[in-house]
PDB file of N, CA and C in Angstrom:
ATOM      1  N   MET A   1     174.826  92.466-131.723  1.00  0.00           N
ATOM      2  CA  MET A   1     174.705  91.092-132.140  1.00  0.00           C
ATOM      3  C   MET A   1     173.919  90.985-133.433  1.00  0.00           C
ATOM      4  N   PHE A   2     172.770  91.627-133.491  1.00  0.00           N
ATOM      5  CA  PHE A   2     171.921  91.518-134.663  1.00  0.00           C
ATOM      6  C   PHE A   2     172.305  92.579-135.683  1.00  0.00           C
ATOM      7  N   ASP A   3     172.462  92.131-136.927  1.00  0.00           N
ATOM      8  CA  ASP A   3     172.838  93.015-138.028  1.00  0.00           C
ATOM      9  C   ASP A   3     171.631  93.869-138.406  1.00  0.00           C
ATOM     10  N   ARG A   4     171.755  95.180-138.265  1.00  0.00           N
ATOM     11  CA  ARG A   4     170.629  96.077-138.492  1.00  0.00           C
ATOM     12  C   ARG A   4     170.740  96.850-139.800  1.00  0.00           C
ATOM     13  N   THR A   5     171.269  96.216-140.836  1.00  0.00           N
ATOM     14  CA  THR A   5     171.389  96.926-142.096  1.00  0.00           C
ATOM     15  C   THR A   5     170.085  96.925-142.881  1.00  0.00           C
ATOM     16  N   ASP A   6     169.340  95.820-142.844  1.00  0.00           N
ATOM     17  CA  ASP A   6     168.035  95.773-143.496  1.00  0.00           C
ATOM     18  C   ASP A   6     167.178  94.685-142.864  1.00  0.00           C
ATOM     19  N   VAL A   7     165.922  94.649-143.241  1.00  0.00           N
ATOM     20  CA  VAL A   7     164.970  93.728-142.640  1.00  0.00           C
ATOM     21  C   VAL A   7     165.362  92.276-142.899  1.00  0.00           C
ATOM     22  N   PHE A   8     165.894  91.977-144.070  1.00  0.00           N
ATOM     23  CA  PHE A   8     166.291  90.609-144.396  1.00  0.00           C
ATOM     24  C   PHE A   8     167.352  90.099-143.425  1.00  0.00           C
ATOM     25  N   HIS A   9     168.359  90.917-143.108  1.00  0.00           N
ATOM     26  CA  HIS A   9     169.407  90.507-142.177  1.00  0.00           C
ATOM     27  C   HIS A   9     168.866  90.344-140.753  1.00  0.00           C
ATOM     28  N   VAL A  10     167.981  91.230-140.341  1.00  0.00           N
ATOM     29  CA  VAL A  10     167.381  91.122-139.012  1.00  0.00           C
ATOM     30  C   VAL A  10     166.601  89.808-138.911  1.00  0.00           C
ATOM     31  N   ARG A  11     165.793  89.509-139.925  1.00  0.00           N
ATOM     32  CA  ARG A  11     164.993  88.286-139.922  1.00  0.00           C
ATOM     33  C   ARG A  11     165.873  87.043-139.889  1.00  0.00           C
ATOM     34  N   SER A  12     166.930  87.005-140.690  1.00  0.00           N
ATOM     35  CA  SER A  12     167.800  85.825-140.715  1.00  0.00           C
ATOM     36  C   SER A  12     168.570  85.668-139.405  1.00  0.00           C
ATOM     37  N   ASP A  13     168.998  86.775-138.787  1.00  0.00           N
ATOM     38  CA  ASP A  13     169.681  86.695-137.489  1.00  0.00           C
ATOM     39  C   ASP A  13     168.754  86.156-136.406  1.00  0.00           C
ATOM     40  N   ILE A  14     167.523  86.612-136.388  1.00  0.00           N
ATOM     41  CA  ILE A  14     166.565  86.133-135.396  1.00  0.00           C
ATOM     42  C   ILE A  14     166.222  84.669-135.662  1.00  0.00           C
ATOM     43  N   GLN A  15     166.064  84.307-136.918  1.00  0.00           N
ATOM     44  CA  GLN A  15     165.739  82.922-137.260  1.00  0.00           C
ATOM     45  C   GLN A  15     166.859  81.967-136.848  1.00  0.00           C
ATOM     46  N   ARG A  16     168.103  82.395-136.976  1.00  0.00           N
ATOM     47  CA  ARG A  16     169.242  81.568-136.562  1.00  0.00           C
ATOM     48  C   ARG A  16     169.269  81.336-135.062  1.00  0.00           C
ATOM     49  N   ASN A  17     168.640  82.216-134.303  1.00  0.00           N
ATOM     50  CA  ASN A  17     168.696  82.152-132.845  1.00  0.00           C
ATOM     51  C   ASN A  17     167.393  81.688-132.204  1.00  0.00           C
ATOM     52  N   ILE A  18     166.550  80.963-132.930  1.00  0.00           N
ATOM     53  CA  ILE A  18     165.318  80.416-132.348  1.00  0.00           C
ATOM     54  C   ILE A  18     165.703  79.494-131.193  1.00  0.00           C
ATOM     55  N   GLY A  19     165.045  79.654-130.071  1.00  0.00           N
ATOM     56  CA  GLY A  19     165.326  78.853-128.889  1.00  0.00           C
ATOM     57  C   GLY A  19     166.364  79.463-127.965  1.00  0.00           C
ATOM     58  N   SER A  20     166.962  80.574-128.366  1.00  0.00           N
ATOM     59  CA  SER A  20     167.978  81.234-127.543  1.00  0.00           C
ATOM     60  C   SER A  20     167.331  82.168-126.530  1.00  0.00           C
ATOM     61  N   LYS A  21     167.956  82.272-125.365  1.00  0.00           N
ATOM     62  CA  LYS A  21     167.498  83.214-124.352  1.00  0.00           C
ATOM     63  C   LYS A  21     167.954  84.615-124.740  1.00  0.00           C
ATOM     64  N   VAL A  22     167.045  85.571-124.606  1.00  0.00           N
ATOM     65  CA  VAL A  22     167.339  86.949-124.981  1.00  0.00           C
ATOM     66  C   VAL A  22     166.867  87.911-123.901  1.00  0.00           C
ATOM     67  N   ARG A  23     167.450  89.090-123.944  1.00  0.00           N
ATOM     68  CA  ARG A  23     167.038  90.209-123.096  1.00  0.00           C
ATOM     69  C   ARG A  23     166.472  91.266-124.031  1.00  0.00           C
ATOM     70  N   LEU A  24     165.267  91.729-123.745  1.00  0.00           N
ATOM     71  CA  LEU A  24     164.589  92.730-124.575  1.00  0.00           C
ATOM     72  C   LEU A  24     164.514  94.051-123.838  1.00  0.00           C
ATOM     73  N   GLU A  25     164.820  95.103-124.534  1.00  0.00           N
ATOM     74  CA  GLU A  25     164.567  96.438-124.006  1.00  0.00           C
ATOM     75  C   GLU A  25     163.630  97.117-124.993  1.00  0.00           C
ATOM     76  N   THR A  26     162.383  97.302-124.560  1.00  0.00           N
ATOM     77  CA  THR A  26     161.342  97.843-125.418  1.00  0.00           C
ATOM     78  C   THR A  26     161.133  99.314-125.112  1.00  0.00           C
ATOM     79  N   ASN A  27     161.244 100.156-126.126  1.00  0.00           N
ATOM     80  CA  ASN A  27     161.056 101.591-125.974  1.00  0.00           C
ATOM     81  C   ASN A  27     159.568 101.892-125.996  1.00  0.00           C
ATOM     82  N   LYS A  28     159.055 102.452-124.905  1.00  0.00           N
ATOM     83  CA  LYS A  28     157.636 102.786-124.789  1.00  0.00           C
ATOM     84  C   LYS A  28     157.359 104.269-125.019  1.00  0.00           C
ATOM     85  N   GLY A  29     158.362 105.040-125.388  1.00  0.00           N
ATOM     86  CA  GLY A  29     158.167 106.456-125.648  1.00  0.00           C
ATOM     87  C   GLY A  29     158.351 107.307-124.413  1.00  0.00           C
ATOM     88  N   ARG A  30     158.627 108.575-124.610  1.00  0.00           N
ATOM     89  CA  ARG A  30     158.819 109.548-123.530  1.00  0.00           C
ATOM     90  C   ARG A  30     159.818 109.063-122.489  1.00  0.00           C
ATOM     91  N   HIS A  31     160.937 108.554-122.974  1.00  0.00           N
ATOM     92  CA  HIS A  31     162.044 108.097-122.131  1.00  0.00           C
ATOM     93  C   HIS A  31     161.660 106.954-121.201  1.00  0.00           C
ATOM     94  N   LYS A  32     160.689 106.146-121.616  1.00  0.00           N
ATOM     95  CA  LYS A  32     160.274 104.980-120.836  1.00  0.00           C
ATOM     96  C   LYS A  32     160.661 103.731-121.608  1.00  0.00           C
ATOM     97  N   SER A  33     161.167 102.746-120.875  1.00  0.00           N
ATOM     98  CA  SER A  33     161.475 101.471-121.512  1.00  0.00           C
ATOM     99  C   SER A  33     161.171 100.338-120.542  1.00  0.00           C
ATOM    100  N   VAL A  34     160.909  99.170-121.108  1.00  0.00           N
ATOM    101  CA  VAL A  34     160.607  97.978-120.333  1.00  0.00           C
ATOM    102  C   VAL A  34     161.647  96.921-120.670  1.00  0.00           C
ATOM    103  N   ILE A  35     162.246  96.319-119.643  1.00  0.00           N
ATOM    104  CA  ILE A  35     163.247  95.283-119.850  1.00  0.00           C
ATOM    105  C   ILE A  35     162.631  93.944-119.476  1.00  0.00           C
ATOM    106  N   SER A  36     162.744  92.966-120.384  1.00  0.00           N
ATOM    107  CA  SER A  36     162.193  91.631-120.170  1.00  0.00           C
ATOM    108  C   SER A  36     163.209  90.592-120.614  1.00  0.00           C
ATOM    109  N   LYS A  37     163.021  89.371-120.129  1.00  0.00           N
ATOM    110  CA  LYS A  37     163.842  88.247-120.577  1.00  0.00           C
ATOM    111  C   LYS A  37     162.924  87.159-121.083  1.00  0.00           C
ATOM    112  N   GLY A  38     163.381  86.453-122.110  1.00  0.00           N
ATOM    113  CA  GLY A  38     162.574  85.388-122.672  1.00  0.00           C
ATOM    114  C   GLY A  38     163.353  84.567-123.673  1.00  0.00           C
ATOM    115  N   VAL A  39     162.620  83.780-124.446  1.00  0.00           N
ATOM    116  CA  VAL A  39     163.200  82.887-125.435  1.00  0.00           C
ATOM    117  C   VAL A  39     162.532  83.173-126.775  1.00  0.00           C
ATOM    118  N   ILE A  40     163.320  83.237-127.841  1.00  0.00           N
ATOM    119  CA  ILE A  40     162.756  83.403-129.177  1.00  0.00           C
ATOM    120  C   ILE A  40     162.027  82.110-129.518  1.00  0.00           C
ATOM    121  N   SER A  41     160.706  82.195-129.693  1.00  0.00           N
ATOM    122  CA  SER A  41     159.937  80.963-129.878  1.00  0.00           C
ATOM    123  C   SER A  41     159.587  80.672-131.335  1.00  0.00           C
ATOM    124  N   ASN A  42     159.107  81.652-132.078  1.00  0.00           N
ATOM    125  CA  ASN A  42     158.712  81.427-133.474  1.00  0.00           C
ATOM    126  C   ASN A  42     159.115  82.607-134.343  1.00  0.00           C
ATOM    127  N   VAL A  43     159.324  82.301-135.616  1.00  0.00           N
ATOM    128  CA  VAL A  43     159.646  83.320-136.609  1.00  0.00           C
ATOM    129  C   VAL A  43     158.657  83.174-137.751  1.00  0.00           C
ATOM    130  N   TYR A  44     158.026  84.274-138.113  1.00  0.00           N
ATOM    131  CA  TYR A  44     157.057  84.302-139.197  1.00  0.00           C
ATOM    132  C   TYR A  44     157.537  85.302-140.243  1.00  0.00           C
ATOM    133  N   PRO A  45     156.887  85.357-141.406  1.00  0.00           N
ATOM    134  CA  PRO A  45     157.361  86.275-142.460  1.00  0.00           C
ATOM    135  C   PRO A  45     157.431  87.747-142.047  1.00  0.00           C
ATOM    136  N   SER A  46     156.507  88.209-141.210  1.00  0.00           N
ATOM    137  CA  SER A  46     156.488  89.630-140.845  1.00  0.00           C
ATOM    138  C   SER A  46     156.796  89.907-139.385  1.00  0.00           C
ATOM    139  N   ILE A  47     156.653  88.894-138.520  1.00  0.00           N
ATOM    140  CA  ILE A  47     156.845  89.084-137.085  1.00  0.00           C
ATOM    141  C   ILE A  47     157.614  87.910-136.488  1.00  0.00           C
ATOM    142  N   PHE A  48     158.047  88.080-135.234  1.00  0.00           N
ATOM    143  CA  PHE A  48     158.618  86.984-134.458  1.00  0.00           C
ATOM    144  C   PHE A  48     158.039  87.069-133.052  1.00  0.00           C
ATOM    145  N   THR A  49     158.034  85.940-132.338  1.00  0.00           N
ATOM    146  CA  THR A  49     157.458  85.904-131.000  1.00  0.00           C
ATOM    147  C   THR A  49     158.514  85.538-129.965  1.00  0.00           C
ATOM    148  N   ILE A  50     158.326  86.095-128.782  1.00  0.00           N
ATOM    149  CA  ILE A  50     159.202  85.849-127.632  1.00  0.00           C
ATOM    150  C   ILE A  50     158.343  85.285-126.507  1.00  0.00           C
ATOM    151  N   GLN A  51     158.731  84.132-125.972  1.00  0.00           N
ATOM    152  CA  GLN A  51     158.082  83.539-124.806  1.00  0.00           C
ATOM    153  C   GLN A  51     158.771  84.111-123.577  1.00  0.00           C
ATOM    154  N   LEU A  52     158.052  84.904-122.773  1.00  0.00           N
ATOM    155  CA  LEU A  52     158.656  85.547-121.614  1.00  0.00           C
ATOM    156  C   LEU A  52     158.968  84.525-120.529  1.00  0.00           C
ATOM    157  N   SER A  53     160.062  84.780-119.812  1.00  0.00           N
ATOM    158  CA  SER A  53     160.446  83.884-118.728  1.00  0.00           C
ATOM    159  C   SER A  53     160.476  84.604-117.381  1.00  0.00           C
ATOM    160  N   ASP A  54     160.030  85.852-117.352  1.00  0.00           N
ATOM    161  CA  ASP A  54     159.989  86.600-116.097  1.00  0.00           C
ATOM    162  C   ASP A  54     158.677  87.368-116.006  1.00  0.00           C
ATOM    163  N   GLY A  55     158.485  88.050-114.913  1.00  0.00           N
ATOM    164  CA  GLY A  55     157.279  88.840-114.730  1.00  0.00           C
ATOM    165  C   GLY A  55     156.176  88.053-114.046  1.00  0.00           C
ATOM    166  N   PRO A  56     155.012  88.681-113.890  1.00  0.00           N
ATOM    167  CA  PRO A  56     153.923  88.036-113.156  1.00  0.00           C
ATOM    168  C   PRO A  56     153.317  86.836-113.893  1.00  0.00           C
ATOM    169  N   ASP A  57     153.376  86.823-115.219  1.00  0.00           N
ATOM    170  CA  ASP A  57     152.810  85.729-116.008  1.00  0.00           C
ATOM    171  C   ASP A  57     153.879  85.195-116.959  1.00  0.00           C
ATOM    172  N   PRO A  58     154.668  84.192-116.535  1.00  0.00           N
ATOM    173  CA  PRO A  58     155.777  83.707-117.365  1.00  0.00           C
ATOM    174  C   PRO A  58     155.339  82.957-118.619  1.00  0.00           C
ATOM    175  N   SER A  59     154.041  82.650-118.750  1.00  0.00           N
ATOM    176  CA  SER A  59     153.583  81.966-119.956  1.00  0.00           C
ATOM    177  C   SER A  59     153.169  82.958-121.051  1.00  0.00           C
ATOM    178  N   ARG A  60     153.409  84.216-120.842  1.00  0.00           N
ATOM    179  CA  ARG A  60     153.015  85.280-121.764  1.00  0.00           C
ATOM    180  C   ARG A  60     153.937  85.327-122.979  1.00  0.00           C
ATOM    181  N   LYS A  61     153.376  85.623-124.141  1.00  0.00           N
ATOM    182  CA  LYS A  61     154.157  85.781-125.371  1.00  0.00           C
ATOM    183  C   LYS A  61     154.024  87.212-125.872  1.00  0.00           C
ATOM    184  N   LEU A  62     155.103  87.708-126.426  1.00  0.00           N
ATOM    185  CA  LEU A  62     155.099  89.018-127.061  1.00  0.00           C
ATOM    186  C   LEU A  62     155.465  88.834-128.520  1.00  0.00           C
ATOM    187  N   SER A  63     154.924  89.665-129.376  1.00  0.00           N
ATOM    188  CA  SER A  63     155.295  89.616-130.789  1.00  0.00           C
ATOM    189  C   SER A  63     155.809  90.987-131.222  1.00  0.00           C
ATOM    190  N   PHE A  64     156.785  90.948-132.106  1.00  0.00           N
ATOM    191  CA  PHE A  64     157.401  92.167-132.619  1.00  0.00           C
ATOM    192  C   PHE A  64     157.621  92.007-134.115  1.00  0.00           C
ATOM    193  N   SER A  65     157.644  93.118-134.815  1.00  0.00           N
ATOM    194  CA  SER A  65     157.994  93.073-136.229  1.00  0.00           C
ATOM    195  C   SER A  65     159.499  93.280-136.369  1.00  0.00           C
ATOM    196  N   TYR A  66     160.025  92.889-137.498  1.00  0.00           N
ATOM    197  CA  TYR A  66     161.453  93.045-137.738  1.00  0.00           C
ATOM    198  C   TYR A  66     161.839  94.516-137.850  1.00  0.00           C
ATOM    199  N   THR A  67     160.892  95.341-138.272  1.00  0.00           N
ATOM    200  CA  THR A  67     161.174  96.776-138.341  1.00  0.00           C
ATOM    201  C   THR A  67     161.299  97.397-136.958  1.00  0.00           C
ATOM    202  N   ASP A  68     160.677  96.776-135.933  1.00  0.00           N
ATOM    203  CA  ASP A  68     160.864  97.251-134.557  1.00  0.00           C
ATOM    204  C   ASP A  68     162.337  97.148-134.164  1.00  0.00           C
ATOM    205  N   VAL A  69     162.978  96.068-134.558  1.00  0.00           N
ATOM    206  CA  VAL A  69     164.405  95.882-134.265  1.00  0.00           C
ATOM    207  C   VAL A  69     165.230  96.832-135.121  1.00  0.00           C
ATOM    208  N   LEU A  70     164.847  96.962-136.376  1.00  0.00           N
ATOM    209  CA  LEU A  70     165.578  97.816-137.309  1.00  0.00           C
ATOM    210  C   LEU A  70     165.555  99.284-136.885  1.00  0.00           C
ATOM    211  N   THR A  71     164.440  99.739-136.313  1.00  0.00           N
ATOM    212  CA  THR A  71     164.300 101.151-135.911  1.00  0.00           C
ATOM    213  C   THR A  71     164.646 101.389-134.445  1.00  0.00           C
ATOM    214  N   ASN A  72     165.154 100.367-133.760  1.00  0.00           N
ATOM    215  CA  ASN A  72     165.555 100.450-132.347  1.00  0.00           C
ATOM    216  C   ASN A  72     164.391 100.661-131.392  1.00  0.00           C
ATOM    217  N   ALA A  73     163.170 100.337-131.806  1.00  0.00           N
ATOM    218  CA  ALA A  73     162.049 100.360-130.873  1.00  0.00           C
ATOM    219  C   ALA A  73     162.176  99.191-129.896  1.00  0.00           C
ATOM    220  N   VAL A  74     162.860  98.123-130.342  1.00  0.00           N
ATOM    221  CA  VAL A  74     163.149  96.955-129.511  1.00  0.00           C
ATOM    222  C   VAL A  74     164.625  96.631-129.686  1.00  0.00           C
ATOM    223  N   GLU A  75     165.330  96.508-128.566  1.00  0.00           N
ATOM    224  CA  GLU A  75     166.734  96.096-128.609  1.00  0.00           C
ATOM    225  C   GLU A  75     166.827  94.686-128.057  1.00  0.00           C
ATOM    226  N   ILE A  76     167.392  93.781-128.849  1.00  0.00           N
ATOM    227  CA  ILE A  76     167.524  92.377-128.445  1.00  0.00           C
ATOM    228  C   ILE A  76     168.988  92.076-128.209  1.00  0.00           C
ATOM    229  N   THR A  77     169.273  91.440-127.072  1.00  0.00           N
ATOM    230  CA  THR A  77     170.625  91.005-126.746  1.00  0.00           C
ATOM    231  C   THR A  77     170.559  89.549-126.327  1.00  0.00           C
ATOM    232  N   LEU A  78     171.413  88.715-126.898  1.00  0.00           N
ATOM    233  CA  LEU A  78     171.475  87.323-126.486  1.00  0.00           C
ATOM    234  C   LEU A  78     171.998  87.233-125.069  1.00  0.00           C
ATOM    235  N   CYS A  79     171.382  86.408-124.241  1.00  0.00           N
ATOM    236  CA  CYS A  79     171.804  86.270-122.843  1.00  0.00           C
ATOM    237  C   CYS A  79     173.180  85.635-122.740  1.00  0.00           C
ATOM    238  N   ASP A  80     173.627  84.879-123.736  1.00  0.00           N
ATOM    239  CA  ASP A  80     174.960  84.299-123.730  1.00  0.00           C
ATOM    240  C   ASP A  80     176.033  85.380-123.795  1.00  0.00           C
ATOM    241  N   SER A  81     175.691  86.519-124.409  1.00  0.00           N
ATOM    242  CA  SER A  81     176.677  87.566-124.609  1.00  0.00           C
ATOM    243  C   SER A  81     176.618  88.646-123.516  1.00  0.00           C
ATOM    244  N   ILE A  82     175.719  88.476-122.526  1.00  0.00           N
ATOM    245  CA  ILE A  82     175.645  89.428-121.411  1.00  0.00           C
ATOM    246  C   ILE A  82     175.713  88.651-120.109  1.00  0.00           C
ATOM    247  N   GLU A  83     175.975  89.345-119.028  1.00  0.00           N
ATOM    248  CA  GLU A  83     175.986  88.713-117.719  1.00  0.00           C
ATOM    249  C   GLU A  83     174.568  88.440-117.286  1.00  0.00           C
ATOM    250  N   GLN A  84     174.327  87.239-116.736  1.00  0.00           N
ATOM    251  CA  GLN A  84     172.960  86.888-116.346  1.00  0.00           C
ATOM    252  C   GLN A  84     172.703  87.208-114.931  1.00  0.00           C
TER     253      GLN A  84
END
């Protein structure tokens, strides 16, 4: 879904989808990953934030840089394009 050619395209794709439900797969290293669901809440020049909608504390926010998406440290999928 997200164009991973450069940081500018990643930022514009995320900015277009503010308020959309997403599924995150975060690479924690050593073949470990964490899957979360949330909503893209804010976009800033260097980072974007996700308001989590699952887990023990649903009011929790996570922030990621656009390079995290570009380097596949974080994989974002729109919930509209996957089975819920």
